[in-house]
N, C-alpha and C. Protein backbone atom coordinates (compact mmCIF):
# COMPACT_ATOMS: atom_id res chain seq x y z
N MET A 1 14.86 22.18 9.87
CA MET A 1 15.04 21.27 8.83
C MET A 1 13.70 21.10 7.93
N LEU A 2 13.91 21.10 6.65
CA LEU A 2 12.78 21.03 5.77
C LEU A 2 12.73 19.59 5.17
N ALA A 3 11.72 19.24 4.45
CA ALA A 3 11.64 17.91 3.75
C ALA A 3 12.91 17.66 3.06
N ASN A 4 13.13 16.34 2.92
CA ASN A 4 14.17 15.65 2.19
C ASN A 4 15.68 16.18 2.57
N ASN A 5 15.67 16.53 3.89
CA ASN A 5 16.99 16.92 4.58
C ASN A 5 17.55 18.26 3.86
N ILE A 6 16.83 19.05 3.44
CA ILE A 6 17.34 20.42 2.92
C ILE A 6 17.13 21.39 4.28
N LYS A 7 18.44 21.83 4.65
CA LYS A 7 18.47 22.56 5.78
C LYS A 7 18.13 24.04 5.56
N LEU A 8 17.58 24.70 6.59
CA LEU A 8 17.16 26.06 6.49
C LEU A 8 18.26 26.83 5.90
N ASN A 9 19.43 26.68 6.35
CA ASN A 9 20.68 27.53 6.03
C ASN A 9 21.07 27.49 4.67
N GLU A 10 20.68 26.32 3.99
CA GLU A 10 20.85 26.18 2.59
C GLU A 10 20.12 26.91 1.64
N LEU A 11 19.11 27.54 2.22
CA LEU A 11 18.13 28.15 1.30
C LEU A 11 18.62 29.41 0.58
N SER A 12 19.62 30.06 1.39
CA SER A 12 20.14 31.24 0.78
C SER A 12 21.64 31.04 0.19
N HIS A 13 22.03 29.97 0.23
CA HIS A 13 23.40 29.70 -0.47
C HIS A 13 23.25 28.99 -1.83
N LYS A 14 24.13 29.55 -2.78
CA LYS A 14 24.18 28.97 -4.02
C LYS A 14 24.77 27.54 -4.01
N SER A 15 24.53 26.75 -4.90
CA SER A 15 24.99 25.48 -5.05
C SER A 15 24.40 24.62 -4.02
N ALA A 16 23.31 24.81 -3.42
CA ALA A 16 22.64 23.88 -2.52
C ALA A 16 22.36 22.51 -3.17
N SER A 17 22.52 21.49 -2.67
CA SER A 17 22.26 20.35 -3.31
C SER A 17 20.90 19.59 -3.12
N LEU A 18 20.26 19.17 -4.07
CA LEU A 18 19.05 18.54 -4.00
C LEU A 18 19.23 17.09 -3.77
N PRO A 19 18.26 16.44 -3.14
CA PRO A 19 18.18 14.99 -2.86
C PRO A 19 18.23 14.25 -4.27
N SER A 20 18.59 13.08 -4.34
CA SER A 20 18.59 12.12 -5.51
C SER A 20 16.99 11.95 -5.88
N LEU A 21 16.80 11.60 -7.08
CA LEU A 21 15.46 11.31 -7.53
C LEU A 21 14.86 10.22 -6.73
N ILE A 22 15.56 9.27 -6.56
CA ILE A 22 15.06 8.16 -5.92
C ILE A 22 14.74 8.52 -4.38
N GLY A 23 15.59 9.37 -3.79
CA GLY A 23 15.38 9.81 -2.51
C GLY A 23 13.95 10.58 -2.54
N LEU A 24 13.80 11.47 -3.43
CA LEU A 24 12.54 12.18 -3.63
C LEU A 24 11.34 11.36 -3.76
N LEU A 25 11.44 10.31 -4.52
CA LEU A 25 10.36 9.52 -4.79
C LEU A 25 10.01 8.50 -3.57
N THR A 26 10.90 8.34 -2.72
CA THR A 26 10.65 7.49 -1.60
C THR A 26 10.64 7.96 -0.27
N THR A 27 10.58 9.37 -0.14
CA THR A 27 10.40 9.97 1.15
C THR A 27 9.43 11.12 1.15
N GLY A 28 8.96 11.54 2.17
CA GLY A 28 7.97 12.63 2.43
C GLY A 28 6.55 12.20 2.43
N GLY A 29 6.32 10.91 2.36
CA GLY A 29 5.08 10.26 2.58
C GLY A 29 5.06 9.40 3.82
N ASP A 30 4.10 8.48 3.75
CA ASP A 30 4.03 7.65 4.87
C ASP A 30 5.00 6.31 4.72
N TRP A 31 5.01 5.40 5.56
CA TRP A 31 5.97 4.30 5.46
C TRP A 31 5.68 3.40 4.21
N ARG A 32 4.77 3.48 3.52
CA ARG A 32 4.40 2.62 2.55
C ARG A 32 5.33 2.86 1.29
N ILE A 33 5.82 4.12 1.16
CA ILE A 33 6.72 4.50 -0.03
C ILE A 33 8.11 4.15 0.13
N ALA A 34 8.53 3.90 1.50
CA ALA A 34 9.90 3.53 1.80
C ALA A 34 10.36 2.30 1.11
N LEU A 35 11.38 2.27 0.73
CA LEU A 35 12.05 1.05 0.08
C LEU A 35 12.50 0.10 1.15
N SER A 36 12.34 -1.28 1.03
CA SER A 36 12.83 -2.19 1.97
C SER A 36 14.33 -2.35 1.61
N PRO A 37 15.18 -2.29 2.63
CA PRO A 37 16.64 -2.67 2.22
C PRO A 37 16.83 -4.04 1.89
N ASP A 38 15.97 -4.90 2.19
CA ASP A 38 16.08 -6.33 1.76
C ASP A 38 15.64 -6.62 0.41
N THR A 39 14.53 -5.97 0.03
CA THR A 39 13.96 -6.21 -1.37
C THR A 39 14.12 -5.15 -2.41
N GLY A 40 14.34 -3.94 -1.80
CA GLY A 40 14.45 -2.74 -2.79
C GLY A 40 13.15 -2.35 -3.35
N VAL A 41 12.08 -2.82 -2.81
CA VAL A 41 10.74 -2.34 -3.33
C VAL A 41 9.94 -1.88 -2.03
N ASN A 42 8.90 -1.11 -2.30
CA ASN A 42 7.98 -0.43 -1.28
C ASN A 42 6.96 -1.51 -0.86
N ALA A 43 6.11 -0.97 0.00
CA ALA A 43 5.14 -1.89 0.56
C ALA A 43 4.11 -2.46 -0.45
N TYR A 44 3.91 -1.87 -1.64
CA TYR A 44 3.19 -2.27 -2.75
C TYR A 44 3.99 -3.20 -3.69
N GLY A 45 5.14 -3.48 -3.42
CA GLY A 45 5.87 -4.35 -4.23
C GLY A 45 6.64 -3.68 -5.49
N TYR A 46 6.87 -2.37 -5.45
CA TYR A 46 7.37 -1.52 -6.57
C TYR A 46 8.71 -0.90 -6.18
N ALA A 47 9.74 -0.87 -7.13
CA ALA A 47 10.82 -0.17 -6.88
C ALA A 47 10.73 1.51 -7.13
N ALA A 48 11.62 2.19 -7.09
CA ALA A 48 11.53 3.63 -7.38
C ALA A 48 12.08 3.82 -8.71
N THR A 49 12.35 2.73 -9.47
CA THR A 49 12.78 2.95 -10.90
C THR A 49 11.91 2.11 -11.82
N PRO A 50 11.79 2.49 -13.05
CA PRO A 50 10.94 1.85 -14.00
C PRO A 50 11.39 0.30 -14.13
N ASN A 51 10.18 -0.53 -14.41
CA ASN A 51 10.33 -1.89 -14.64
C ASN A 51 9.72 -2.21 -15.87
N PRO A 52 10.46 -2.55 -16.97
CA PRO A 52 9.71 -2.81 -18.18
C PRO A 52 8.75 -4.03 -18.19
N ASP A 53 8.72 -4.83 -17.24
CA ASP A 53 7.91 -6.05 -17.12
C ASP A 53 6.68 -5.59 -16.33
N ALA A 54 6.58 -4.41 -15.81
CA ALA A 54 5.35 -4.07 -14.95
C ALA A 54 4.63 -2.99 -15.74
N TYR A 55 3.31 -2.98 -15.40
CA TYR A 55 2.39 -1.96 -15.93
C TYR A 55 2.49 -0.68 -15.21
N ALA A 56 2.60 0.44 -15.86
CA ALA A 56 2.73 1.83 -15.10
C ALA A 56 1.45 2.41 -15.41
N PHE A 57 0.48 2.47 -14.36
CA PHE A 57 -0.85 2.97 -14.60
C PHE A 57 -0.99 4.44 -14.29
N GLY A 58 -0.12 5.06 -13.58
CA GLY A 58 -0.24 6.42 -13.29
C GLY A 58 0.51 6.88 -12.10
N SER A 59 0.18 7.98 -11.51
CA SER A 59 0.91 8.61 -10.53
C SER A 59 0.46 8.36 -9.25
N SER A 60 0.20 6.96 -8.91
CA SER A 60 -0.22 6.43 -7.72
C SER A 60 0.97 5.84 -6.89
N THR A 61 0.88 5.90 -5.63
CA THR A 61 1.91 5.33 -4.92
C THR A 61 1.92 3.67 -5.19
N CYS A 62 0.78 3.18 -5.40
CA CYS A 62 0.75 1.75 -5.51
C CYS A 62 0.97 1.38 -7.05
N SER A 63 1.46 2.14 -7.88
CA SER A 63 1.81 1.62 -9.29
C SER A 63 3.25 1.94 -9.55
N GLN A 64 3.74 1.30 -10.54
CA GLN A 64 5.01 1.35 -10.98
C GLN A 64 5.21 2.67 -11.77
N ILE A 65 6.39 3.42 -11.54
CA ILE A 65 6.66 4.58 -12.24
C ILE A 65 7.11 4.18 -13.66
N SER A 66 6.55 4.95 -14.52
CA SER A 66 6.98 4.62 -15.96
C SER A 66 8.29 5.17 -16.45
N ALA A 67 8.84 4.55 -17.42
CA ALA A 67 10.08 4.85 -17.94
C ALA A 67 10.08 6.46 -18.28
N ARG A 68 9.00 6.73 -18.93
CA ARG A 68 8.89 8.18 -19.44
C ARG A 68 8.81 9.19 -18.18
N GLY A 69 8.00 8.84 -17.19
CA GLY A 69 7.90 9.55 -16.00
C GLY A 69 9.16 9.68 -15.33
N PHE A 70 9.88 8.65 -15.21
CA PHE A 70 11.23 8.62 -14.42
C PHE A 70 12.29 9.48 -15.20
N LYS A 71 12.27 9.35 -16.70
CA LYS A 71 13.21 10.19 -17.32
C LYS A 71 12.76 11.60 -17.14
N GLN A 72 11.57 12.08 -17.40
CA GLN A 72 11.17 13.35 -17.31
C GLN A 72 11.56 13.99 -15.81
N SER A 73 11.21 13.22 -14.82
CA SER A 73 11.54 13.70 -13.52
C SER A 73 12.97 13.79 -13.45
N LEU A 74 13.78 13.04 -13.92
CA LEU A 74 15.24 13.06 -13.82
C LEU A 74 15.74 14.38 -14.41
N LEU A 75 15.26 14.47 -15.62
CA LEU A 75 15.58 15.65 -16.43
C LEU A 75 15.36 16.97 -15.63
N ARG A 76 14.16 17.00 -15.11
CA ARG A 76 13.55 18.17 -14.27
C ARG A 76 14.59 18.41 -13.10
N LEU A 77 14.82 17.35 -12.32
CA LEU A 77 15.70 17.46 -11.22
C LEU A 77 17.16 17.98 -11.59
N GLN A 78 17.65 17.51 -12.66
CA GLN A 78 18.96 18.00 -13.16
C GLN A 78 18.79 19.41 -13.70
N ASP A 79 17.78 19.82 -14.24
CA ASP A 79 17.55 21.37 -14.55
C ASP A 79 17.60 22.20 -13.29
N LEU A 80 16.80 21.72 -12.21
CA LEU A 80 16.77 22.45 -11.02
C LEU A 80 18.10 22.40 -10.37
N GLN A 81 18.94 21.30 -10.31
CA GLN A 81 20.24 21.33 -9.74
C GLN A 81 21.28 22.33 -10.48
N GLN A 82 21.07 22.35 -11.85
CA GLN A 82 21.88 23.14 -12.68
C GLN A 82 21.60 24.77 -12.36
N ARG A 83 20.33 24.98 -11.99
CA ARG A 83 19.99 26.41 -11.68
C ARG A 83 20.52 26.66 -10.42
N LEU A 84 20.60 25.81 -9.51
CA LEU A 84 21.16 26.09 -8.14
C LEU A 84 22.70 26.37 -8.18
N ASN A 85 23.39 26.22 -9.37
CA ASN A 85 24.80 26.71 -9.52
C ASN A 85 24.84 28.11 -9.66
N THR A 86 23.89 28.80 -9.97
CA THR A 86 23.93 30.16 -10.18
C THR A 86 22.89 31.06 -9.38
N ASP A 87 21.92 30.36 -8.89
CA ASP A 87 20.78 31.02 -7.99
C ASP A 87 20.59 30.33 -6.64
N THR A 88 20.09 30.93 -5.63
CA THR A 88 19.87 30.45 -4.40
C THR A 88 18.59 29.60 -4.56
N LEU A 89 18.64 28.58 -3.58
CA LEU A 89 17.38 27.80 -3.41
C LEU A 89 16.10 28.49 -3.33
N THR A 90 16.20 29.58 -2.53
CA THR A 90 14.99 30.41 -2.34
C THR A 90 14.50 31.10 -3.81
N THR A 91 15.56 31.60 -4.56
CA THR A 91 15.12 31.99 -5.88
C THR A 91 14.49 31.13 -6.65
N VAL A 92 15.08 29.87 -6.75
CA VAL A 92 14.69 28.81 -7.67
C VAL A 92 13.20 28.32 -7.22
N TYR A 93 13.04 28.22 -5.92
CA TYR A 93 11.76 27.92 -5.44
C TYR A 93 10.68 29.03 -5.70
N ASP A 94 11.14 30.22 -5.61
CA ASP A 94 10.11 31.27 -5.87
C ASP A 94 9.73 31.34 -7.44
N ASP A 95 10.77 31.18 -8.17
CA ASP A 95 10.57 31.14 -9.55
C ASP A 95 9.56 29.95 -9.99
N GLU A 96 9.85 28.84 -9.48
CA GLU A 96 9.09 27.70 -9.62
C GLU A 96 7.61 27.88 -9.26
N LEU A 97 7.39 28.53 -8.22
CA LEU A 97 6.06 28.66 -7.68
C LEU A 97 5.32 29.79 -8.58
N ALA A 98 6.07 30.68 -9.04
CA ALA A 98 5.54 31.70 -9.96
C ALA A 98 5.05 31.15 -11.30
N GLN A 99 5.90 30.11 -11.76
CA GLN A 99 5.59 29.45 -12.97
C GLN A 99 4.35 28.60 -12.73
N LEU A 100 4.19 27.87 -11.55
CA LEU A 100 3.01 27.05 -11.31
C LEU A 100 1.70 28.01 -11.24
N ARG A 101 1.82 29.15 -10.48
CA ARG A 101 0.70 30.02 -10.56
C ARG A 101 0.39 30.34 -11.95
N GLN A 102 1.19 30.74 -12.71
CA GLN A 102 0.93 31.15 -14.20
C GLN A 102 0.21 30.08 -14.85
N ARG A 103 0.74 28.92 -14.78
CA ARG A 103 0.22 27.78 -15.49
C ARG A 103 -1.27 27.37 -15.00
N LEU A 104 -1.48 27.51 -13.72
CA LEU A 104 -2.84 27.34 -13.15
C LEU A 104 -3.70 28.31 -13.71
N HIS A 105 -3.30 29.61 -13.65
CA HIS A 105 -4.20 30.61 -14.16
C HIS A 105 -4.59 30.36 -15.54
N GLU A 106 -3.62 30.02 -16.37
CA GLU A 106 -3.91 29.58 -17.73
C GLU A 106 -4.86 28.41 -17.91
N LEU A 107 -4.59 27.35 -17.13
CA LEU A 107 -5.42 26.20 -17.36
C LEU A 107 -6.81 26.25 -16.88
N LEU A 108 -7.04 27.17 -15.79
CA LEU A 108 -8.38 27.25 -15.21
C LEU A 108 -8.98 28.65 -15.68
N SER A 109 -8.37 29.29 -16.65
CA SER A 109 -8.88 30.49 -17.11
C SER A 109 -9.38 31.49 -15.96
N LEU A 110 -8.41 31.61 -14.93
CA LEU A 110 -8.67 32.38 -13.79
C LEU A 110 -8.58 33.97 -14.08
N PRO A 111 -9.33 34.80 -13.52
CA PRO A 111 -9.06 36.28 -13.71
C PRO A 111 -7.76 36.55 -13.15
N GLN A 112 -7.04 37.46 -13.86
CA GLN A 112 -5.64 37.75 -13.43
C GLN A 112 -5.39 38.31 -11.92
N HIS A 113 -6.54 38.90 -11.34
CA HIS A 113 -6.44 39.35 -10.03
C HIS A 113 -6.55 38.15 -8.96
N THR A 114 -6.83 36.92 -9.41
CA THR A 114 -7.01 35.80 -8.47
C THR A 114 -5.59 35.30 -7.97
N ASP A 115 -5.65 35.24 -6.62
CA ASP A 115 -4.44 34.81 -6.07
C ASP A 115 -4.38 33.36 -5.82
N ILE A 116 -3.20 32.78 -5.97
CA ILE A 116 -3.08 31.34 -5.76
C ILE A 116 -2.08 31.11 -4.77
N CYS A 117 -2.43 30.43 -3.64
CA CYS A 117 -1.49 30.35 -2.58
C CYS A 117 -1.08 28.86 -2.44
N PHE A 118 -0.01 28.50 -2.10
CA PHE A 118 0.50 27.15 -1.82
C PHE A 118 0.87 27.09 -0.30
N PHE A 119 0.48 25.99 0.31
CA PHE A 119 0.75 25.73 1.68
C PHE A 119 1.35 24.39 1.85
N THR A 120 2.27 24.46 2.81
CA THR A 120 3.01 23.08 3.10
C THR A 120 2.60 22.84 4.54
N PHE A 121 2.15 21.68 4.83
CA PHE A 121 1.78 21.38 6.23
C PHE A 121 2.75 20.27 6.68
N TRP A 122 3.40 20.69 7.99
CA TRP A 122 4.38 19.82 8.61
C TRP A 122 3.81 19.04 9.78
N HIS A 123 3.92 18.03 10.05
CA HIS A 123 3.53 17.32 11.30
C HIS A 123 4.49 16.30 11.86
């Protein structure tokens, strides 16, 4: 079992389903980001959706997500889900990592032979 309930056998099948955006925003961390079923907010008092009455300071667990950040995240998730209609989750994942590596090379002006490795730690 992988993060966000994506099963290993879904990696090689087309049309794998990704979790909802709110599911992604409220899982994978510690207990503080989980939404209370009673209030709909996390331990910091914020929901997983934008609140026009709250200030959105950045990408911190203890700050409100901005409308712009939520919209861009939703568009990105929809794009990924659309790609899964024609490609396997493994292919999409590999393509995304390749794009990240290329972008980091460009931003950091790294020599082309520099390897960038991504690691996931499960506990």
